[in-house]
């Protein structure tokens, strides 16, 4: 049981450190965009797979550009320009 707790605590610490890196120290951290998109790929997955039977992320990208300008963060590893 002790090993299981150590693994869970390690995973939680790793997740927290990764979130801090992506929000503040990543090369694309200064690009405007939704914070949730900067943290995880689940942001895109929600629009592609869940919302209105999928395939809606393309339209969301247009909304993001209208809200955040010509350069926007799409995912933690992607940016988009218009």
Protein backbone atom coordinates (compact mmCIF):
# COMPACT_ATOMS: atom_id res chain seq x y z
CA UNK A 1 0.00 0.00 0.00
CA UNK A 2 2.87 2.39 0.69
CA UNK A 3 4.19 2.03 -2.85
CA UNK A 4 0.76 2.79 -4.32
CA UNK A 5 0.50 6.00 -2.32
CA UNK A 6 4.02 7.02 -3.35
CA UNK A 7 3.16 6.45 -7.02
CA UNK A 8 -0.06 8.47 -6.72
CA UNK A 9 1.73 11.31 -4.93
CA UNK A 10 4.47 11.23 -7.58
CA UNK A 11 1.90 11.44 -10.36
CA UNK A 12 0.15 14.33 -8.66
CA UNK A 13 3.44 16.23 -8.23
CA UNK A 14 4.38 15.55 -11.87
CA UNK A 15 0.99 16.84 -13.06
CA UNK A 16 1.31 19.98 -10.95
CA UNK A 17 4.85 20.70 -12.18
CA UNK A 18 3.82 20.13 -15.79
CA UNK A 19 0.89 22.54 -15.39
CA UNK A 20 3.16 25.23 -13.87
CA UNK A 21 5.67 24.77 -16.71
CA UNK A 22 3.01 25.02 -19.41
CA UNK A 23 1.38 28.10 -17.83
CA UNK A 24 4.49 30.13 -17.01
CA UNK A 25 7.73 28.77 -18.53
CA UNK A 26 6.80 27.17 -21.85
CA UNK A 27 7.97 29.01 -24.98
CA UNK A 28 4.34 29.56 -25.98
CA UNK A 29 3.13 30.55 -22.50
CA UNK A 30 3.02 34.24 -23.43
CA UNK A 31 0.75 33.69 -26.44
CA UNK A 32 -2.85 34.61 -25.59
CA UNK A 33 -5.51 31.96 -25.55
CA UNK A 34 -7.66 29.92 -23.22
CA UNK A 35 -5.75 28.68 -20.17
CA UNK A 36 -7.36 25.25 -20.34
CA UNK A 37 -6.09 24.83 -23.90
CA UNK A 38 -2.60 25.75 -22.72
CA UNK A 39 -2.73 23.02 -20.08
CA UNK A 40 -4.14 19.98 -21.85
CA UNK A 41 -5.14 18.40 -25.13
CA UNK A 42 -8.57 17.56 -23.72
CA UNK A 43 -9.73 21.03 -24.77
CA UNK A 44 -9.53 20.08 -28.44
CA UNK A 45 -10.88 16.58 -27.75
CA UNK A 46 -14.02 18.06 -26.19
CA UNK A 47 -14.83 20.12 -29.28
CA UNK A 48 -13.89 17.34 -31.71
CA UNK A 49 -15.58 14.41 -29.99
CA UNK A 50 -18.26 15.58 -27.56
CA UNK A 51 -19.77 18.91 -28.53
CA UNK A 52 -22.60 18.70 -31.07
CA UNK A 53 -21.57 15.28 -32.39
CA UNK A 54 -17.97 16.34 -33.00
CA UNK A 55 -16.04 18.28 -35.57
CA UNK A 56 -16.63 21.68 -33.96
CA UNK A 57 -13.02 22.61 -33.13
CA UNK A 58 -12.47 24.25 -36.52
CA UNK A 59 -15.24 26.73 -35.72
CA UNK A 60 -13.87 27.23 -32.20
CA UNK A 61 -10.50 28.23 -33.66
CA UNK A 62 -12.21 31.06 -35.54
CA UNK A 63 -13.88 32.22 -32.30
CA UNK A 64 -10.55 32.10 -30.47
CA UNK A 65 -8.95 34.32 -33.10
CA UNK A 66 -11.81 36.80 -32.82
CA UNK A 67 -11.40 36.86 -29.04
CA UNK A 68 -7.59 36.71 -28.65
CA UNK A 69 -6.28 38.21 -31.89
CA UNK A 70 -4.31 36.89 -34.88
CA UNK A 71 -2.08 34.59 -32.79
CA UNK A 72 -3.71 32.23 -30.32
CA UNK A 73 -2.81 29.17 -28.24
CA UNK A 74 -4.72 26.12 -29.42
CA UNK A 75 -3.09 23.46 -27.27
CA UNK A 76 -0.12 23.27 -24.96
CA UNK A 77 2.09 22.48 -27.93
CA UNK A 78 0.27 24.36 -30.74
CA UNK A 79 -0.38 27.92 -31.72
CA UNK A 80 -2.47 29.27 -34.56
CA UNK A 81 -2.05 32.35 -36.73
CA UNK A 82 -4.47 33.98 -39.13
